[in-house]
All heavy atoms as atom14 arrays in JSON, in Angstrom:
{
  "sequence": "NFNSLHDRLVKLDILGHDDPTVLRMLQDLTGINPKEVPINDPDTLSLF",
  "atom14_mask": [
    [1, 1, 1, 1, 1, 1, 1, 1, 0, 0, 0, 0, 0, 0],
    [1, 1, 1, 1, 1, 1, 1, 1, 1, 1, 1, 0, 0, 0],
    [1, 1, 1, 1, 1, 1, 1, 1, 0, 0, 0, 0, 0, 0],
    [1, 1, 1, 1, 1, 1, 0, 0, 0, 0, 0, 0, 0, 0],
    [1, 1, 1, 1, 1, 1, 1, 1, 0, 0, 0, 0, 0, 0],
    [1, 1, 1, 1, 1, 1, 1, 1, 1, 1, 0, 0, 0, 0],
    [1, 1, 1, 1, 1, 1, 1, 1, 0, 0, 0, 0, 0, 0],
    [1, 1, 1, 1, 1, 1, 1, 1, 1, 1, 1, 0, 0, 0],
    [1, 1, 1, 1, 1, 1, 1, 1, 0, 0, 0, 0, 0, 0],
    [1, 1, 1, 1, 1, 1, 1, 0, 0, 0, 0, 0, 0, 0],
    [1, 1, 1, 1, 1, 1, 1, 1, 1, 0, 0, 0, 0, 0],
    [1, 1, 1, 1, 1, 1, 1, 1, 0, 0, 0, 0, 0, 0],
    [1, 1, 1, 1, 1, 1, 1, 1, 0, 0, 0, 0, 0, 0],
    [1, 1, 1, 1, 1, 1, 1, 1, 0, 0, 0, 0, 0, 0],
    [1, 1, 1, 1, 1, 1, 1, 1, 0, 0, 0, 0, 0, 0],
    [1, 1, 1, 1, 0, 0, 0, 0, 0, 0, 0, 0, 0, 0],
    [1, 1, 1, 1, 1, 1, 1, 1, 1, 1, 0, 0, 0, 0],
    [1, 1, 1, 1, 1, 1, 1, 1, 0, 0, 0, 0, 0, 0],
    [1, 1, 1, 1, 1, 1, 1, 1, 0, 0, 0, 0, 0, 0],
    [1, 1, 1, 1, 1, 1, 1, 0, 0, 0, 0, 0, 0, 0],
    [1, 1, 1, 1, 1, 1, 1, 0, 0, 0, 0, 0, 0, 0],
    [1, 1, 1, 1, 1, 1, 1, 0, 0, 0, 0, 0, 0, 0],
    [1, 1, 1, 1, 1, 1, 1, 1, 0, 0, 0, 0, 0, 0],
    [1, 1, 1, 1, 1, 1, 1, 1, 1, 1, 1, 0, 0, 0],
    [1, 1, 1, 1, 1, 1, 1, 1, 0, 0, 0, 0, 0, 0],
    [1, 1, 1, 1, 1, 1, 1, 1, 0, 0, 0, 0, 0, 0],
    [1, 1, 1, 1, 1, 1, 1, 1, 1, 0, 0, 0, 0, 0],
    [1, 1, 1, 1, 1, 1, 1, 1, 0, 0, 0, 0, 0, 0],
    [1, 1, 1, 1, 1, 1, 1, 1, 0, 0, 0, 0, 0, 0],
    [1, 1, 1, 1, 1, 1, 1, 0, 0, 0, 0, 0, 0, 0],
    [1, 1, 1, 1, 0, 0, 0, 0, 0, 0, 0, 0, 0, 0],
    [1, 1, 1, 1, 1, 1, 1, 1, 0, 0, 0, 0, 0, 0],
    [1, 1, 1, 1, 1, 1, 1, 1, 0, 0, 0, 0, 0, 0],
    [1, 1, 1, 1, 1, 1, 1, 0, 0, 0, 0, 0, 0, 0],
    [1, 1, 1, 1, 1, 1, 1, 1, 1, 0, 0, 0, 0, 0],
    [1, 1, 1, 1, 1, 1, 1, 1, 1, 0, 0, 0, 0, 0],
    [1, 1, 1, 1, 1, 1, 1, 0, 0, 0, 0, 0, 0, 0],
    [1, 1, 1, 1, 1, 1, 1, 0, 0, 0, 0, 0, 0, 0],
    [1, 1, 1, 1, 1, 1, 1, 1, 0, 0, 0, 0, 0, 0],
    [1, 1, 1, 1, 1, 1, 1, 1, 0, 0, 0, 0, 0, 0],
    [1, 1, 1, 1, 1, 1, 1, 1, 0, 0, 0, 0, 0, 0],
    [1, 1, 1, 1, 1, 1, 1, 0, 0, 0, 0, 0, 0, 0],
    [1, 1, 1, 1, 1, 1, 1, 1, 0, 0, 0, 0, 0, 0],
    [1, 1, 1, 1, 1, 1, 1, 0, 0, 0, 0, 0, 0, 0],
    [1, 1, 1, 1, 1, 1, 1, 1, 0, 0, 0, 0, 0, 0],
    [1, 1, 1, 1, 1, 1, 0, 0, 0, 0, 0, 0, 0, 0],
    [1, 1, 1, 1, 1, 1, 1, 1, 0, 0, 0, 0, 0, 0],
    [1, 1, 1, 1, 1, 1, 1, 1, 1, 1, 1, 0, 0, 0]
  ],
  "atom14_positions": [
    [[8.38, -21.58, 8.69], [7.6, -20.55, 8.0], [7.89, -19.19, 8.65], [8.01, -19.11, 9.87], [6.11, -20.89, 8.14], [5.23, -20.03, 7.27], [5.35, -18.81, 7.28], [4.35, -20.66, 6.53], [0.0, 0.0, 0.0], [0.0, 0.0, 0.0], [0.0, 0.0, 0.0], [0.0, 0.0, 0.0], [0.0, 0.0, 0.0], [0.0, 0.0, 0.0]],
    [[7.99, -18.13, 7.85], [8.39, -16.85, 8.42], [7.42, -16.33, 9.48], [7.82, -15.56, 10.36], [8.58, -15.78, 7.34], [9.11, -14.49, 7.91], [10.44, -14.39, 8.3], [8.28, -13.4, 8.13], [10.94, -13.23, 8.87], [8.76, -12.24, 8.7], [10.1, -12.16, 9.07], [0.0, 0.0, 0.0], [0.0, 0.0, 0.0], [0.0, 0.0, 0.0]],
    [[6.18, -16.76, 9.44], [5.22, -16.3, 10.46], [5.71, -16.61, 11.87], [5.43, -15.88, 12.81], [3.85, -16.96, 10.23], [3.17, -16.43, 8.99], [3.45, -15.31, 8.57], [2.27, -17.2, 8.4], [0.0, 0.0, 0.0], [0.0, 0.0, 0.0], [0.0, 0.0, 0.0], [0.0, 0.0, 0.0], [0.0, 0.0, 0.0], [0.0, 0.0, 0.0]],
    [[6.46, -17.71, 12.03], [6.96, -18.08, 13.35], [8.21, -17.3, 13.73], [8.67, -17.37, 14.86], [7.25, -19.59, 13.39], [8.24, -19.93, 12.43], [0.0, 0.0, 0.0], [0.0, 0.0, 0.0], [0.0, 0.0, 0.0], [0.0, 0.0, 0.0], [0.0, 0.0, 0.0], [0.0, 0.0, 0.0], [0.0, 0.0, 0.0], [0.0, 0.0, 0.0]],
    [[8.79, -16.57, 12.76], [10.01, -15.8, 13.02], [9.75, -14.29, 13.0], [10.67, -13.5, 13.17], [11.07, -16.13, 11.93], [11.46, -17.59, 11.76], [12.34, -17.75, 10.52], [12.2, -18.1, 12.98], [0.0, 0.0, 0.0], [0.0, 0.0, 0.0], [0.0, 0.0, 0.0], [0.0, 0.0, 0.0], [0.0, 0.0, 0.0], [0.0, 0.0, 0.0]],
    [[8.49, -13.92, 12.77], [8.16, -12.54, 12.45], [8.69, -11.53, 13.45], [9.16, -10.45, 13.09], [6.64, -12.4, 12.3], [6.21, -11.13, 11.67], [6.09, -9.95, 12.38], [5.88, -10.81, 10.39], [5.71, -8.97, 11.57], [5.57, -9.48, 10.36], [0.0, 0.0, 0.0], [0.0, 0.0, 0.0], [0.0, 0.0, 0.0], [0.0, 0.0, 0.0]],
    [[8.61, -11.85, 14.74], [9.02, -10.89, 15.77], [10.45, -11.11, 16.25], [10.84, -10.59, 17.3], [8.05, -10.98, 16.96], [6.65, -10.56, 16.57], [6.53, -9.67, 15.71], [5.68, -11.13, 17.1], [0.0, 0.0, 0.0], [0.0, 0.0, 0.0], [0.0, 0.0, 0.0], [0.0, 0.0, 0.0], [0.0, 0.0, 0.0], [0.0, 0.0, 0.0]],
    [[11.22, -11.89, 15.49], [12.59, -12.19, 15.91], [13.64, -11.74, 14.91], [14.75, -11.38, 15.28], [12.72, -13.69, 16.16], [11.91, -14.16, 17.36], [11.73, -15.67, 17.41], [10.93, -16.06, 18.57], [9.61, -16.03, 18.6], [8.94, -15.64, 17.53], [8.93, -16.39, 19.68], [0.0, 0.0, 0.0], [0.0, 0.0, 0.0], [0.0, 0.0, 0.0]],
    [[13.31, -11.78, 13.65], [14.26, -11.39, 12.6], [13.61, -10.4, 11.64], [12.41, -10.48, 11.37], [14.74, -12.62, 11.81], [15.61, -13.63, 12.56], [15.82, -14.87, 11.71], [16.94, -13.02, 12.95], [0.0, 0.0, 0.0], [0.0, 0.0, 0.0], [0.0, 0.0, 0.0], [0.0, 0.0, 0.0], [0.0, 0.0, 0.0], [0.0, 0.0, 0.0]],
    [[14.42, -9.48, 11.12], [13.92, -8.51, 10.14], [13.8, -9.19, 8.77], [14.67, -9.95, 8.36], [14.87, -7.31, 10.03], [14.49, -6.41, 8.86], [14.84, -6.5, 11.33], [0.0, 0.0, 0.0], [0.0, 0.0, 0.0], [0.0, 0.0, 0.0], [0.0, 0.0, 0.0], [0.0, 0.0, 0.0], [0.0, 0.0, 0.0], [0.0, 0.0, 0.0]],
    [[12.68, -8.92, 8.08], [12.51, -9.43, 6.72], [12.38, -8.26, 5.76], [11.61, -7.32, 6.01], [11.26, -10.31, 6.61], [10.95, -10.79, 5.17], [9.94, -11.92, 5.15], [8.55, -11.48, 5.52], [7.86, -10.75, 4.44], [0.0, 0.0, 0.0], [0.0, 0.0, 0.0], [0.0, 0.0, 0.0], [0.0, 0.0, 0.0], [0.0, 0.0, 0.0]],
    [[13.12, -8.3, 4.68], [12.97, -7.33, 3.59], [12.15, -7.99, 2.49], [12.49, -9.09, 2.05], [14.33, -6.92, 3.03], [15.34, -6.25, 3.96], [16.62, -5.95, 3.2], [14.76, -4.98, 4.54], [0.0, 0.0, 0.0], [0.0, 0.0, 0.0], [0.0, 0.0, 0.0], [0.0, 0.0, 0.0], [0.0, 0.0, 0.0], [0.0, 0.0, 0.0]],
    [[11.07, -7.35, 2.07], [10.31, -7.83, 0.9], [10.79, -7.05, -0.31], [10.42, -5.89, -0.51], [8.82, -7.62, 1.1], [8.17, -8.79, 1.83], [8.84, -9.83, 1.95], [7.02, -8.67, 2.27], [0.0, 0.0, 0.0], [0.0, 0.0, 0.0], [0.0, 0.0, 0.0], [0.0, 0.0, 0.0], [0.0, 0.0, 0.0], [0.0, 0.0, 0.0]],
    [[11.65, -7.67, -1.11], [12.16, -7.03, -2.33], [11.27, -7.51, -3.47], [11.52, -8.55, -4.09], [13.64, -7.41, -2.58], [14.47, -7.16, -1.32], [14.2, -6.64, -3.77], [14.56, -5.71, -0.89], [0.0, 0.0, 0.0], [0.0, 0.0, 0.0], [0.0, 0.0, 0.0], [0.0, 0.0, 0.0], [0.0, 0.0, 0.0], [0.0, 0.0, 0.0]],
    [[10.2, -6.77, -3.73], [9.14, -7.25, -4.62], [9.23, -6.65, -6.01], [9.65, -5.51, -6.19], [7.78, -6.91, -4.0], [7.53, -7.5, -2.61], [6.28, -6.89, -1.99], [7.4, -9.0, -2.68], [0.0, 0.0, 0.0], [0.0, 0.0, 0.0], [0.0, 0.0, 0.0], [0.0, 0.0, 0.0], [0.0, 0.0, 0.0], [0.0, 0.0, 0.0]],
    [[8.83, -7.43, -6.99], [8.73, -6.94, -8.37], [7.39, -6.24, -8.55], [6.36, -6.74, -8.12], [0.0, 0.0, 0.0], [0.0, 0.0, 0.0], [0.0, 0.0, 0.0], [0.0, 0.0, 0.0], [0.0, 0.0, 0.0], [0.0, 0.0, 0.0], [0.0, 0.0, 0.0], [0.0, 0.0, 0.0], [0.0, 0.0, 0.0], [0.0, 0.0, 0.0]],
    [[7.39, -5.08, -9.18], [6.17, -4.28, -9.31], [6.17, -3.59, -10.68], [7.22, -3.19, -11.17], [6.15, -3.23, -8.19], [4.77, -2.81, -7.78], [4.23, -1.62, -8.18], [3.83, -3.41, -7.03], [3.0, -1.5, -7.67], [2.74, -2.57, -6.97], [0.0, 0.0, 0.0], [0.0, 0.0, 0.0], [0.0, 0.0, 0.0], [0.0, 0.0, 0.0]],
    [[4.97, -3.45, -11.24], [4.87, -2.84, -12.57], [5.02, -1.32, -12.56], [5.49, -0.73, -13.54], [3.52, -3.18, -13.21], [3.49, -4.58, -13.8], [4.58, -5.16, -13.99], [2.39, -5.11, -14.04], [0.0, 0.0, 0.0], [0.0, 0.0, 0.0], [0.0, 0.0, 0.0], [0.0, 0.0, 0.0], [0.0, 0.0, 0.0], [0.0, 0.0, 0.0]],
    [[4.61, -0.66, -11.46], [4.59, 0.81, -11.46], [5.95, 1.44, -11.75], [6.03, 2.38, -12.56], [4.05, 1.33, -10.13], [2.56, 1.09, -9.98], [1.96, 0.54, -10.93], [1.99, 1.43, -8.93], [0.0, 0.0, 0.0], [0.0, 0.0, 0.0], [0.0, 0.0, 0.0], [0.0, 0.0, 0.0], [0.0, 0.0, 0.0], [0.0, 0.0, 0.0]],
    [[7.05, 0.99, -11.14], [8.35, 1.58, -11.48], [8.72, 1.36, -12.95], [9.34, 2.22, -13.58], [9.34, 0.87, -10.54], [8.5, 0.39, -9.41], [7.19, 0.05, -10.02], [0.0, 0.0, 0.0], [0.0, 0.0, 0.0], [0.0, 0.0, 0.0], [0.0, 0.0, 0.0], [0.0, 0.0, 0.0], [0.0, 0.0, 0.0], [0.0, 0.0, 0.0]],
    [[8.34, 0.19, -13.49], [8.6, -0.09, -14.91], [7.84, 0.89, -15.78], [8.38, 1.43, -16.76], [8.17, -1.53, -15.26], [8.69, -2.43, -14.28], [8.65, -1.94, -16.64], [0.0, 0.0, 0.0], [0.0, 0.0, 0.0], [0.0, 0.0, 0.0], [0.0, 0.0, 0.0], [0.0, 0.0, 0.0], [0.0, 0.0, 0.0], [0.0, 0.0, 0.0]],
    [[6.58, 1.13, -15.43], [5.73, 2.07, -16.18], [6.32, 3.47, -16.16], [6.44, 4.14, -17.19], [4.29, 2.07, -15.61], [3.49, 3.24, -16.15], [3.59, 0.76, -15.93], [0.0, 0.0, 0.0], [0.0, 0.0, 0.0], [0.0, 0.0, 0.0], [0.0, 0.0, 0.0], [0.0, 0.0, 0.0], [0.0, 0.0, 0.0], [0.0, 0.0, 0.0]],
    [[6.7, 3.94, -14.97], [7.23, 5.3, -14.84], [8.55, 5.47, -15.6], [8.8, 6.52, -16.19], [7.42, 5.65, -13.37], [6.11, 5.88, -12.59], [6.37, 5.98, -11.1], [5.41, 7.13, -13.09], [0.0, 0.0, 0.0], [0.0, 0.0, 0.0], [0.0, 0.0, 0.0], [0.0, 0.0, 0.0], [0.0, 0.0, 0.0], [0.0, 0.0, 0.0]],
    [[9.38, 4.43, -15.61], [10.65, 4.51, -16.35], [10.38, 4.6, -17.86], [11.02, 5.39, -18.57], [11.5, 3.29, -16.05], [12.83, 3.25, -16.79], [13.78, 4.29, -16.21], [14.42, 5.05, -17.26], [15.43, 5.88, -17.04], [15.89, 6.07, -15.83], [15.97, 6.55, -18.03], [0.0, 0.0, 0.0], [0.0, 0.0, 0.0], [0.0, 0.0, 0.0]],
    [[9.42, 3.82, -18.34], [9.09, 3.86, -19.77], [8.48, 5.21, -20.14], [8.79, 5.76, -21.21], [8.14, 2.72, -20.12], [7.89, 2.58, -21.62], [6.98, 1.07, -22.02], [6.79, 1.3, -23.8], [0.0, 0.0, 0.0], [0.0, 0.0, 0.0], [0.0, 0.0, 0.0], [0.0, 0.0, 0.0], [0.0, 0.0, 0.0], [0.0, 0.0, 0.0]],
    [[7.63, 5.75, -19.27], [7.04, 7.07, -19.53], [8.12, 8.14, -19.59], [8.07, 9.05, -20.43], [6.02, 7.41, -18.44], [4.69, 6.65, -18.5], [3.88, 6.85, -17.23], [3.87, 7.07, -19.73], [0.0, 0.0, 0.0], [0.0, 0.0, 0.0], [0.0, 0.0, 0.0], [0.0, 0.0, 0.0], [0.0, 0.0, 0.0], [0.0, 0.0, 0.0]],
    [[9.1, 8.04, -18.71], [10.21, 8.99, -18.73], [11.01, 8.87, -20.03], [11.37, 9.88, -20.65], [11.14, 8.76, -17.53], [12.33, 9.73, -17.48], [13.16, 9.56, -16.22], [12.71, 8.97, -15.24], [14.37, 10.08, -16.23], [0.0, 0.0, 0.0], [0.0, 0.0, 0.0], [0.0, 0.0, 0.0], [0.0, 0.0, 0.0], [0.0, 0.0, 0.0]],
    [[11.26, 7.64, -20.47], [12.02, 7.43, -21.7], [11.27, 7.97, -22.92], [11.88, 8.5, -23.85], [12.31, 5.94, -21.9], [13.3, 5.39, -20.86], [14.02, 6.21, -20.25], [13.35, 4.17, -20.67], [0.0, 0.0, 0.0], [0.0, 0.0, 0.0], [0.0, 0.0, 0.0], [0.0, 0.0, 0.0], [0.0, 0.0, 0.0], [0.0, 0.0, 0.0]],
    [[9.93, 7.85, -22.91], [9.13, 8.28, -24.06], [8.94, 9.8, -24.1], [8.85, 10.39, -25.18], [7.76, 7.6, -24.03], [7.73, 6.1, -24.34], [6.33, 5.54, -24.12], [8.19, 5.83, -25.77], [0.0, 0.0, 0.0], [0.0, 0.0, 0.0], [0.0, 0.0, 0.0], [0.0, 0.0, 0.0], [0.0, 0.0, 0.0], [0.0, 0.0, 0.0]],
    [[8.85, 10.43, -22.92], [8.5, 11.86, -22.88], [9.66, 12.76, -22.47], [9.62, 13.97, -22.71], [7.34, 12.11, -21.9], [7.78, 11.76, -20.57], [6.12, 11.28, -22.27], [0.0, 0.0, 0.0], [0.0, 0.0, 0.0], [0.0, 0.0, 0.0], [0.0, 0.0, 0.0], [0.0, 0.0, 0.0], [0.0, 0.0, 0.0], [0.0, 0.0, 0.0]],
    [[10.68, 12.19, -21.83], [11.78, 13.01, -21.32], [11.44, 13.72, -20.02], [12.21, 14.54, -19.53], [0.0, 0.0, 0.0], [0.0, 0.0, 0.0], [0.0, 0.0, 0.0], [0.0, 0.0, 0.0], [0.0, 0.0, 0.0], [0.0, 0.0, 0.0], [0.0, 0.0, 0.0], [0.0, 0.0, 0.0], [0.0, 0.0, 0.0], [0.0, 0.0, 0.0]],
    [[10.27, 13.4, -19.44], [9.84, 14.05, -18.19], [10.17, 13.14, -17.01], [9.81, 11.96, -17.01], [8.33, 14.34, -18.22], [7.99, 15.32, -19.34], [7.85, 14.89, -16.88], [6.51, 15.5, -19.59], [0.0, 0.0, 0.0], [0.0, 0.0, 0.0], [0.0, 0.0, 0.0], [0.0, 0.0, 0.0], [0.0, 0.0, 0.0], [0.0, 0.0, 0.0]],
    [[10.83, 13.69, -15.99], [11.15, 12.95, -14.79], [9.88, 12.8, -13.94], [9.32, 13.81, -13.49], [12.23, 13.67, -13.99], [12.69, 12.88, -12.77], [12.03, 11.93, -12.35], [13.81, 13.28, -12.2], [0.0, 0.0, 0.0], [0.0, 0.0, 0.0], [0.0, 0.0, 0.0], [0.0, 0.0, 0.0], [0.0, 0.0, 0.0], [0.0, 0.0, 0.0]],
    [[9.41, 11.57, -13.71], [8.16, 11.39, -12.95], [8.21, 12.0, -11.55], [7.17, 12.41, -11.01], [8.01, 9.86, -12.86], [8.8, 9.33, -14.0], [9.95, 10.29, -14.18], [0.0, 0.0, 0.0], [0.0, 0.0, 0.0], [0.0, 0.0, 0.0], [0.0, 0.0, 0.0], [0.0, 0.0, 0.0], [0.0, 0.0, 0.0], [0.0, 0.0, 0.0]],
    [[9.41, 12.1, -10.95], [9.52, 12.68, -9.61], [9.21, 14.17, -9.61], [8.92, 14.75, -8.56], [10.93, 12.45, -9.06], [11.22, 10.99, -8.72], [12.62, 10.85, -8.13], [12.93, 9.4, -7.79], [14.3, 9.25, -7.24], [0.0, 0.0, 0.0], [0.0, 0.0, 0.0], [0.0, 0.0, 0.0], [0.0, 0.0, 0.0], [0.0, 0.0, 0.0]],
    [[9.29, 14.8, -10.78], [9.03, 16.23, -10.88], [7.6, 16.54, -11.32], [7.22, 17.7, -11.49], [10.04, 16.87, -11.85], [11.49, 16.75, -11.37], [12.5, 17.22, -12.4], [12.06, 17.67, -13.49], [13.71, 17.12, -12.13], [0.0, 0.0, 0.0], [0.0, 0.0, 0.0], [0.0, 0.0, 0.0], [0.0, 0.0, 0.0], [0.0, 0.0, 0.0]],
    [[6.81, 15.5, -11.54], [5.42, 15.69, -11.95], [4.61, 16.22, -10.76], [4.72, 15.7, -9.64], [4.83, 14.34, -12.43], [3.31, 14.38, -12.45], [5.37, 13.98, -13.8], [0.0, 0.0, 0.0], [0.0, 0.0, 0.0], [0.0, 0.0, 0.0], [0.0, 0.0, 0.0], [0.0, 0.0, 0.0], [0.0, 0.0, 0.0], [0.0, 0.0, 0.0]],
    [[3.8, 17.26, -10.96], [2.99, 17.79, -9.84], [1.84, 16.83, -9.52], [0.94, 16.63, -10.34], [2.46, 19.12, -10.39], [2.46, 18.95, -11.88], [3.61, 18.03, -12.21], [0.0, 0.0, 0.0], [0.0, 0.0, 0.0], [0.0, 0.0, 0.0], [0.0, 0.0, 0.0], [0.0, 0.0, 0.0], [0.0, 0.0, 0.0], [0.0, 0.0, 0.0]],
    [[1.87, 16.23, -8.32], [0.83, 15.24, -8.01], [-0.49, 15.91, -7.62], [-1.49, 15.21, -7.45], [1.28, 14.26, -6.91], [1.6, 14.99, -5.6], [2.47, 13.43, -7.36], [1.87, 14.06, -4.44], [0.0, 0.0, 0.0], [0.0, 0.0, 0.0], [0.0, 0.0, 0.0], [0.0, 0.0, 0.0], [0.0, 0.0, 0.0], [0.0, 0.0, 0.0]],
    [[-0.49, 17.24, -7.48], [-1.75, 17.93, -7.17], [-2.31, 18.66, -8.39], [-3.1, 19.58, -8.26], [-1.53, 18.92, -6.03], [-0.57, 20.05, -6.43], [0.3, 19.85, -7.26], [-0.74, 21.22, -5.82], [0.0, 0.0, 0.0], [0.0, 0.0, 0.0], [0.0, 0.0, 0.0], [0.0, 0.0, 0.0], [0.0, 0.0, 0.0], [0.0, 0.0, 0.0]],
    [[-1.93, 18.22, -9.59], [-2.44, 18.83, -10.82], [-3.97, 18.69, -10.87], [-4.5, 17.58, -10.75], [-1.81, 18.12, -12.03], [-2.37, 18.6, -13.35], [-2.22, 19.79, -13.65], [-2.99, 17.78, -14.06], [0.0, 0.0, 0.0], [0.0, 0.0, 0.0], [0.0, 0.0, 0.0], [0.0, 0.0, 0.0], [0.0, 0.0, 0.0], [0.0, 0.0, 0.0]],
    [[-4.72, 19.8, -11.01], [-6.19, 19.74, -10.96], [-6.81, 18.79, -11.98], [-7.75, 18.06, -11.66], [-6.61, 21.19, -11.23], [-5.43, 22.02, -10.82], [-4.23, 21.19, -11.16], [0.0, 0.0, 0.0], [0.0, 0.0, 0.0], [0.0, 0.0, 0.0], [0.0, 0.0, 0.0], [0.0, 0.0, 0.0], [0.0, 0.0, 0.0], [0.0, 0.0, 0.0]],
    [[-6.31, 18.82, -13.23], [-6.87, 17.93, -14.25], [-6.64, 16.46, -13.89], [-7.5, 15.61, -14.11], [-6.23, 18.23, -15.62], [-6.73, 19.54, -16.21], [-7.82, 19.99, -15.79], [-6.04, 20.13, -17.07], [0.0, 0.0, 0.0], [0.0, 0.0, 0.0], [0.0, 0.0, 0.0], [0.0, 0.0, 0.0], [0.0, 0.0, 0.0], [0.0, 0.0, 0.0]],
    [[-5.46, 16.17, -13.34], [-5.15, 14.8, -12.94], [-6.08, 14.35, -11.82], [-6.66, 13.25, -11.87], [-3.68, 14.69, -12.46], [-2.82, 15.11, -13.52], [-3.35, 13.27, -12.07], [0.0, 0.0, 0.0], [0.0, 0.0, 0.0], [0.0, 0.0, 0.0], [0.0, 0.0, 0.0], [0.0, 0.0, 0.0], [0.0, 0.0, 0.0], [0.0, 0.0, 0.0]],
    [[-6.27, 15.19, -10.8], [-7.15, 14.84, -9.69], [-8.6, 14.67, -10.14], [-9.35, 13.87, -9.56], [-7.07, 15.9, -8.59], [-5.79, 15.89, -7.74], [-5.72, 17.13, -6.86], [-5.73, 14.64, -6.88], [0.0, 0.0, 0.0], [0.0, 0.0, 0.0], [0.0, 0.0, 0.0], [0.0, 0.0, 0.0], [0.0, 0.0, 0.0], [0.0, 0.0, 0.0]],
    [[-8.99, 15.39, -11.2], [-10.38, 15.3, -11.67], [-10.7, 13.94, -12.28], [-11.87, 13.57, -12.38], [-10.66, 16.4, -12.69], [-10.06, 16.11, -13.95], [0.0, 0.0, 0.0], [0.0, 0.0, 0.0], [0.0, 0.0, 0.0], [0.0, 0.0, 0.0], [0.0, 0.0, 0.0], [0.0, 0.0, 0.0], [0.0, 0.0, 0.0], [0.0, 0.0, 0.0]],
    [[-9.68, 13.18, -12.68], [-9.92, 11.85, -13.27], [-10.65, 10.93, -12.31], [-11.34, 10.0, -12.74], [-8.59, 11.19, -13.67], [-7.79, 11.79, -14.82], [-6.58, 10.92, -15.12], [-8.66, 11.94, -16.07], [0.0, 0.0, 0.0], [0.0, 0.0, 0.0], [0.0, 0.0, 0.0], [0.0, 0.0, 0.0], [0.0, 0.0, 0.0], [0.0, 0.0, 0.0]],
    [[-10.5, 11.15, -11.01], [-11.09, 10.27, -10.02], [-12.54, 10.65, -9.71], [-13.18, 10.03, -8.86], [-10.23, 10.28, -8.75], [-8.81, 9.87, -9.01], [-7.83, 10.82, -9.28], [-8.45, 8.53, -9.06], [-6.51, 10.45, -9.56], [-7.15, 8.15, -9.33], [-6.17, 9.1, -9.59], [0.0, 0.0, 0.0], [0.0, 0.0, 0.0], [0.0, 0.0, 0.0]]
  ]
}
């Protein structure tokens, strides 16, 4: 089990995740690059 190897070998967790899929679809639908979206947009922050 990897727990017994944790401090001896490097492990990469190459995980499947929905967020990159979502951002790619949003980019395809809107033409907006998610990396260029202002993450400090006041209206966006107000959602929380």
